Amino acid sequence: MDFKNLYQFLRKLKKNNNKEWMDEHRGEYHTVRDSYIDWLNQMNIKLASIDPDYTPTNGKKAINRINNNLMFHPNKPVYKDHFGAGLDQESKQGDFYIHLGVNESFIGWAIGTLLQKF
C-alpha cells in the first residue's frame, strides 16, 4: 500500500472538494481506492489468522463510501477527507474500524468483542 499516494490524494481532494474536480480525478481516486482495498484484504487475512472468532470481510465490502450523505448533513463537504473501513462484519457492524484521513488516522475496535473473549 502506498500510503503517501493515499494522503496526497486526500489533501488534493480536501482543497478541491467538488464534483467537477472529482470527475476529473476519478481515475486517480480508483487507483488509490483499489490499493486501499488490497491492503484491507491483506489486513483481513492477518486478523483472521490471529483471532479464531474473527469474521472475514472482503475489503470491497468493508470500505466506506467517500461521498458524504448531504440529505441529512447539507453543510458537510461533498466528499469525506478520509478513507474508512469496517472489518469483522458478522453483524454488519465492523468490530475493527480503520480510518485514514488528512487530519487524523486511527484504528479502533469494539470493546464488547474483547470483553466477550475474557
N, C-alpha and C. Protein backbone atom coordinates (compact mmCIF):
# COMPACT_ATOMS: atom_id res chain seq x y z
N MET A 1 0.86 -1.18 0.00
CA MET A 1 0.00 0.00 0.00
C MET A 1 0.89 1.23 0.00
N ASP A 2 0.63 2.11 -0.92
CA ASP A 2 1.39 3.36 -0.99
C ASP A 2 0.60 4.44 -0.24
N PHE A 3 0.87 4.54 1.06
CA PHE A 3 0.14 5.49 1.89
C PHE A 3 0.43 6.92 1.47
N LYS A 4 1.61 7.18 0.95
CA LYS A 4 1.96 8.53 0.50
C LYS A 4 0.98 8.99 -0.58
N ASN A 5 0.70 8.13 -1.56
CA ASN A 5 -0.27 8.48 -2.61
C ASN A 5 -1.66 8.69 -2.04
N LEU A 6 -2.04 7.86 -1.09
CA LEU A 6 -3.36 7.98 -0.48
C LEU A 6 -3.51 9.34 0.19
N TYR A 7 -2.52 9.72 0.99
CA TYR A 7 -2.61 11.01 1.69
C TYR A 7 -2.48 12.20 0.74
N GLN A 8 -1.67 12.08 -0.30
CA GLN A 8 -1.57 13.15 -1.29
C GLN A 8 -2.91 13.35 -1.98
N PHE A 9 -3.57 12.26 -2.34
CA PHE A 9 -4.89 12.36 -2.97
C PHE A 9 -5.88 13.04 -2.02
N LEU A 10 -5.90 12.61 -0.77
CA LEU A 10 -6.84 13.19 0.19
C LEU A 10 -6.59 14.68 0.42
N ARG A 11 -5.32 15.10 0.45
CA ARG A 11 -5.02 16.53 0.61
C ARG A 11 -5.54 17.33 -0.59
N LYS A 12 -5.34 16.79 -1.80
CA LYS A 12 -5.85 17.48 -3.00
C LYS A 12 -7.37 17.52 -2.99
N LEU A 13 -8.00 16.43 -2.58
CA LEU A 13 -9.46 16.38 -2.51
C LEU A 13 -9.99 17.39 -1.51
N LYS A 14 -9.31 17.52 -0.39
CA LYS A 14 -9.76 18.48 0.64
C LYS A 14 -9.74 19.91 0.10
N LYS A 15 -8.74 20.24 -0.72
CA LYS A 15 -8.64 21.58 -1.29
C LYS A 15 -9.64 21.80 -2.43
N ASN A 16 -10.08 20.72 -3.07
CA ASN A 16 -10.94 20.80 -4.26
C ASN A 16 -12.17 19.91 -4.08
N ASN A 17 -12.87 20.08 -2.99
CA ASN A 17 -13.96 19.17 -2.64
C ASN A 17 -15.22 19.53 -3.41
N ASN A 18 -15.24 19.13 -4.69
CA ASN A 18 -16.41 19.35 -5.53
C ASN A 18 -16.49 18.27 -6.59
N LYS A 19 -17.66 18.08 -7.15
CA LYS A 19 -17.90 17.01 -8.11
C LYS A 19 -17.07 17.17 -9.37
N GLU A 20 -16.91 18.38 -9.84
CA GLU A 20 -16.14 18.61 -11.07
C GLU A 20 -14.70 18.13 -10.91
N TRP A 21 -14.07 18.49 -9.79
CA TRP A 21 -12.69 18.07 -9.56
C TRP A 21 -12.62 16.55 -9.45
N MET A 22 -13.56 15.96 -8.70
CA MET A 22 -13.55 14.50 -8.53
C MET A 22 -13.75 13.80 -9.87
N ASP A 23 -14.63 14.32 -10.70
CA ASP A 23 -14.84 13.71 -12.03
C ASP A 23 -13.55 13.73 -12.85
N GLU A 24 -12.79 14.81 -12.75
CA GLU A 24 -11.52 14.92 -13.49
C GLU A 24 -10.45 13.99 -12.92
N HIS A 25 -10.56 13.64 -11.65
CA HIS A 25 -9.54 12.81 -10.98
C HIS A 25 -10.08 11.45 -10.56
N ARG A 26 -11.15 11.01 -11.21
CA ARG A 26 -11.79 9.74 -10.85
C ARG A 26 -10.81 8.57 -11.00
N GLY A 27 -9.98 8.59 -12.04
CA GLY A 27 -9.00 7.52 -12.24
C GLY A 27 -8.02 7.42 -11.09
N GLU A 28 -7.54 8.58 -10.64
CA GLU A 28 -6.61 8.62 -9.50
C GLU A 28 -7.30 8.10 -8.25
N TYR A 29 -8.56 8.50 -8.05
CA TYR A 29 -9.33 8.03 -6.91
C TYR A 29 -9.44 6.51 -6.93
N HIS A 30 -9.78 5.94 -8.08
CA HIS A 30 -9.93 4.48 -8.18
C HIS A 30 -8.61 3.76 -7.94
N THR A 31 -7.51 4.32 -8.39
CA THR A 31 -6.20 3.72 -8.15
C THR A 31 -5.91 3.66 -6.65
N VAL A 32 -6.12 4.79 -5.97
CA VAL A 32 -5.88 4.86 -4.52
C VAL A 32 -6.85 3.95 -3.78
N ARG A 33 -8.11 3.99 -4.17
CA ARG A 33 -9.14 3.17 -3.53
C ARG A 33 -8.84 1.69 -3.69
N ASP A 34 -8.47 1.27 -4.90
CA ASP A 34 -8.17 -0.14 -5.14
C ASP A 34 -6.96 -0.60 -4.33
N SER A 35 -5.97 0.27 -4.19
CA SER A 35 -4.80 -0.05 -3.38
C SER A 35 -5.21 -0.21 -1.91
N TYR A 36 -6.08 0.65 -1.44
CA TYR A 36 -6.59 0.56 -0.06
C TYR A 36 -7.37 -0.73 0.13
N ILE A 37 -8.19 -1.11 -0.84
CA ILE A 37 -8.95 -2.36 -0.76
C ILE A 37 -8.00 -3.55 -0.70
N ASP A 38 -6.95 -3.55 -1.50
CA ASP A 38 -5.97 -4.63 -1.46
C ASP A 38 -5.32 -4.71 -0.08
N TRP A 39 -4.98 -3.55 0.49
CA TRP A 39 -4.38 -3.51 1.82
C TRP A 39 -5.36 -4.05 2.87
N LEU A 40 -6.64 -3.69 2.74
CA LEU A 40 -7.66 -4.20 3.66
C LEU A 40 -7.76 -5.72 3.54
N ASN A 41 -7.69 -6.25 2.32
CA ASN A 41 -7.74 -7.70 2.14
C ASN A 41 -6.57 -8.38 2.84
N GLN A 42 -5.39 -7.78 2.76
CA GLN A 42 -4.22 -8.34 3.45
C GLN A 42 -4.40 -8.26 4.97
N MET A 43 -4.93 -7.13 5.45
CA MET A 43 -5.19 -6.97 6.88
C MET A 43 -6.23 -7.99 7.34
N ASN A 44 -7.22 -8.24 6.52
CA ASN A 44 -8.27 -9.20 6.81
C ASN A 44 -7.67 -10.59 7.04
N ILE A 45 -6.74 -10.98 6.17
CA ILE A 45 -6.09 -12.29 6.29
C ILE A 45 -5.30 -12.37 7.60
N LYS A 46 -4.57 -11.30 7.92
CA LYS A 46 -3.77 -11.29 9.16
C LYS A 46 -4.66 -11.38 10.39
N LEU A 47 -5.74 -10.61 10.41
CA LEU A 47 -6.64 -10.64 11.57
C LEU A 47 -7.29 -12.01 11.73
N ALA A 48 -7.67 -12.62 10.62
CA ALA A 48 -8.29 -13.95 10.68
C ALA A 48 -7.29 -15.00 11.18
N SER A 49 -6.01 -14.79 10.89
CA SER A 49 -5.01 -15.77 11.32
C SER A 49 -4.70 -15.69 12.81
N ILE A 50 -4.98 -14.56 13.45
CA ILE A 50 -4.66 -14.43 14.87
C ILE A 50 -5.89 -14.48 15.78
N ASP A 51 -7.09 -14.40 15.21
CA ASP A 51 -8.31 -14.40 16.02
C ASP A 51 -9.29 -15.43 15.48
N PRO A 52 -9.48 -16.55 16.18
CA PRO A 52 -10.38 -17.59 15.67
C PRO A 52 -11.85 -17.15 15.59
N ASP A 53 -12.22 -16.09 16.30
CA ASP A 53 -13.60 -15.60 16.27
C ASP A 53 -13.81 -14.50 15.24
N TYR A 54 -12.76 -14.15 14.52
CA TYR A 54 -12.84 -13.09 13.52
C TYR A 54 -13.68 -13.55 12.34
N THR A 55 -14.56 -12.69 11.86
CA THR A 55 -15.38 -12.98 10.68
C THR A 55 -14.76 -12.26 9.49
N PRO A 56 -14.18 -12.99 8.54
CA PRO A 56 -13.54 -12.35 7.38
C PRO A 56 -14.51 -11.45 6.62
N THR A 57 -14.01 -10.29 6.22
CA THR A 57 -14.79 -9.32 5.47
C THR A 57 -13.95 -8.83 4.31
N ASN A 58 -14.42 -9.05 3.10
CA ASN A 58 -13.71 -8.60 1.91
C ASN A 58 -13.54 -7.08 1.96
N GLY A 59 -12.35 -6.60 1.53
CA GLY A 59 -12.05 -5.18 1.56
C GLY A 59 -13.05 -4.33 0.80
N LYS A 60 -13.54 -4.85 -0.32
CA LYS A 60 -14.50 -4.09 -1.12
C LYS A 60 -15.82 -3.91 -0.37
N LYS A 61 -16.18 -4.90 0.43
CA LYS A 61 -17.39 -4.81 1.24
C LYS A 61 -17.16 -3.94 2.48
N ALA A 62 -15.93 -3.95 2.98
CA ALA A 62 -15.60 -3.25 4.23
C ALA A 62 -15.46 -1.74 4.06
N ILE A 63 -15.03 -1.30 2.88
CA ILE A 63 -14.72 0.12 2.68
C ILE A 63 -15.99 0.97 2.71
N ASN A 64 -15.87 2.13 3.32
CA ASN A 64 -16.98 3.09 3.36
C ASN A 64 -16.96 3.95 2.10
N ARG A 65 -18.11 4.42 1.71
CA ARG A 65 -18.17 5.29 0.54
C ARG A 65 -17.53 6.64 0.86
N ILE A 66 -17.02 7.29 -0.15
CA ILE A 66 -16.32 8.56 0.05
C ILE A 66 -17.29 9.75 0.04
N ASN A 67 -18.49 9.55 -0.49
CA ASN A 67 -19.47 10.63 -0.54
C ASN A 67 -20.09 10.85 0.84
N ASN A 68 -20.23 12.09 1.24
CA ASN A 68 -20.99 12.41 2.44
C ASN A 68 -22.47 12.34 2.11
N ASN A 69 -23.30 12.02 3.09
CA ASN A 69 -24.74 11.99 2.90
C ASN A 69 -25.28 13.41 3.10
N LEU A 70 -25.42 14.12 2.00
CA LEU A 70 -25.82 15.53 2.08
C LEU A 70 -27.31 15.72 2.39
N MET A 71 -28.09 14.65 2.28
CA MET A 71 -29.51 14.77 2.60
C MET A 71 -29.69 15.06 4.09
N PHE A 72 -28.90 14.38 4.92
CA PHE A 72 -29.02 14.56 6.36
C PHE A 72 -28.00 15.55 6.92
N HIS A 73 -26.95 15.85 6.14
CA HIS A 73 -25.89 16.78 6.58
C HIS A 73 -25.57 17.73 5.43
N PRO A 74 -26.48 18.65 5.12
CA PRO A 74 -26.29 19.51 3.94
C PRO A 74 -25.10 20.47 4.04
N ASN A 75 -24.57 20.70 5.23
CA ASN A 75 -23.46 21.64 5.38
C ASN A 75 -22.09 20.97 5.31
N LYS A 76 -22.05 19.66 5.14
CA LYS A 76 -20.78 18.96 5.03
C LYS A 76 -20.26 19.07 3.61
N PRO A 77 -18.94 18.88 3.42
CA PRO A 77 -18.40 18.85 2.06
C PRO A 77 -18.99 17.67 1.28
N VAL A 78 -18.90 17.73 -0.03
CA VAL A 78 -19.45 16.67 -0.88
C VAL A 78 -18.75 15.34 -0.60
N TYR A 79 -17.43 15.38 -0.39
CA TYR A 79 -16.65 14.16 -0.19
C TYR A 79 -15.97 14.18 1.17
N LYS A 80 -15.80 13.00 1.74
CA LYS A 80 -15.08 12.86 3.01
C LYS A 80 -13.59 13.08 2.77
N ASP A 81 -12.88 13.51 3.80
CA ASP A 81 -11.44 13.71 3.68
C ASP A 81 -10.67 12.54 4.27
N HIS A 82 -11.28 11.37 4.24
CA HIS A 82 -10.64 10.16 4.76
C HIS A 82 -11.17 8.92 4.05
N PHE A 83 -10.42 7.85 4.20
CA PHE A 83 -10.89 6.53 3.78
C PHE A 83 -11.18 5.76 5.06
N GLY A 84 -12.35 5.17 5.14
CA GLY A 84 -12.73 4.39 6.31
C GLY A 84 -13.17 3.00 5.89
N ALA A 85 -13.05 2.06 6.82
CA ALA A 85 -13.48 0.69 6.55
C ALA A 85 -13.76 -0.02 7.86
N GLY A 86 -14.74 -0.91 7.83
CA GLY A 86 -15.08 -1.73 9.00
C GLY A 86 -14.86 -3.19 8.68
N LEU A 87 -13.93 -3.81 9.39
CA LEU A 87 -13.65 -5.24 9.22
C LEU A 87 -14.34 -6.04 10.32
N ASP A 88 -14.47 -7.35 10.13
CA ASP A 88 -15.13 -8.26 11.08
C ASP A 88 -16.61 -7.91 11.17
N GLN A 89 -17.29 -8.00 10.03
CA GLN A 89 -18.68 -7.52 9.93
C GLN A 89 -19.71 -8.64 10.01
N GLU A 90 -19.63 -9.49 10.98
CA GLU A 90 -20.61 -10.56 11.10
C GLU A 90 -22.02 -9.98 11.23
N SER A 91 -22.16 -8.92 12.01
CA SER A 91 -23.49 -8.34 12.25
C SER A 91 -23.71 -7.06 11.47
N LYS A 92 -22.94 -6.85 10.39
CA LYS A 92 -23.00 -5.63 9.58
C LYS A 92 -22.44 -4.42 10.32
N GLN A 93 -21.90 -4.64 11.51
CA GLN A 93 -21.25 -3.60 12.30
C GLN A 93 -19.81 -4.02 12.46
N GLY A 94 -18.89 -3.28 11.87
CA GLY A 94 -17.49 -3.67 11.93
C GLY A 94 -16.94 -3.62 13.35
N ASP A 95 -16.30 -4.70 13.78
CA ASP A 95 -15.66 -4.71 15.09
C ASP A 95 -14.30 -4.02 15.04
N PHE A 96 -13.69 -3.93 13.84
CA PHE A 96 -12.44 -3.21 13.65
C PHE A 96 -12.71 -2.08 12.66
N TYR A 97 -12.40 -0.86 13.04
CA TYR A 97 -12.60 0.28 12.16
C TYR A 97 -11.25 0.90 11.86
N ILE A 98 -10.97 1.12 10.57
CA ILE A 98 -9.73 1.73 10.13
C ILE A 98 -10.07 3.04 9.45
N HIS A 99 -9.44 4.12 9.91
CA HIS A 99 -9.72 5.47 9.43
C HIS A 99 -8.39 6.13 9.06
N LEU A 100 -8.22 6.40 7.76
CA LEU A 100 -7.01 7.07 7.28
C LEU A 100 -7.43 8.40 6.70
N GLY A 101 -7.06 9.50 7.37
CA GLY A 101 -7.52 10.81 6.94
C GLY A 101 -6.45 11.88 7.00
N VAL A 102 -6.80 13.02 6.41
CA VAL A 102 -5.89 14.16 6.35
C VAL A 102 -5.56 14.67 7.75
N ASN A 103 -6.55 14.83 8.59
CA ASN A 103 -6.34 15.41 9.92
C ASN A 103 -6.14 14.37 11.01
N GLU A 104 -6.57 13.14 10.76
CA GLU A 104 -6.43 12.10 11.77
C GLU A 104 -6.48 10.72 11.13
N SER A 105 -5.76 9.81 11.71
CA SER A 105 -5.78 8.41 11.29
C SER A 105 -5.77 7.57 12.55
N PHE A 106 -6.56 6.50 12.54
CA PHE A 106 -6.60 5.64 13.72
C PHE A 106 -7.21 4.29 13.35
N ILE A 107 -6.99 3.33 14.22
CA ILE A 107 -7.63 2.03 14.12
C ILE A 107 -8.35 1.83 15.44
N GLY A 108 -9.62 1.48 15.36
CA GLY A 108 -10.41 1.25 16.57
C GLY A 108 -11.05 -0.12 16.53
N TRP A 109 -11.46 -0.60 17.67
CA TRP A 109 -12.14 -1.87 17.74
C TRP A 109 -13.24 -1.80 18.79
N ALA A 110 -14.22 -2.66 18.62
CA ALA A 110 -15.35 -2.69 19.56
C ALA A 110 -14.91 -3.40 20.83
N ILE A 111 -14.98 -2.72 21.93
CA ILE A 111 -14.54 -3.26 23.21
C ILE A 111 -15.41 -4.43 23.65
N GLY A 112 -16.68 -4.43 23.27
CA GLY A 112 -17.57 -5.53 23.65
C GLY A 112 -17.07 -6.87 23.17
N THR A 113 -16.51 -6.90 21.98
CA THR A 113 -15.97 -8.14 21.44
C THR A 113 -14.81 -8.63 22.28
N LEU A 114 -13.94 -7.71 22.69
CA LEU A 114 -12.79 -8.11 23.51
C LEU A 114 -13.25 -8.63 24.87
N LEU A 115 -14.25 -7.99 25.46
CA LEU A 115 -14.72 -8.43 26.77
C LEU A 115 -15.35 -9.81 26.71
N GLN A 116 -16.02 -10.12 25.59
CA GLN A 116 -16.64 -11.43 25.45
C GLN A 116 -15.62 -12.56 25.45
N LYS A 117 -14.40 -12.26 25.05
CA LYS A 117 -13.37 -13.29 24.93
C LYS A 117 -12.70 -13.58 26.26
N PHE A 118 -12.89 -12.71 27.27
CA PHE A 118 -12.21 -12.90 28.55
C PHE A 118 -13.11 -13.51 29.59
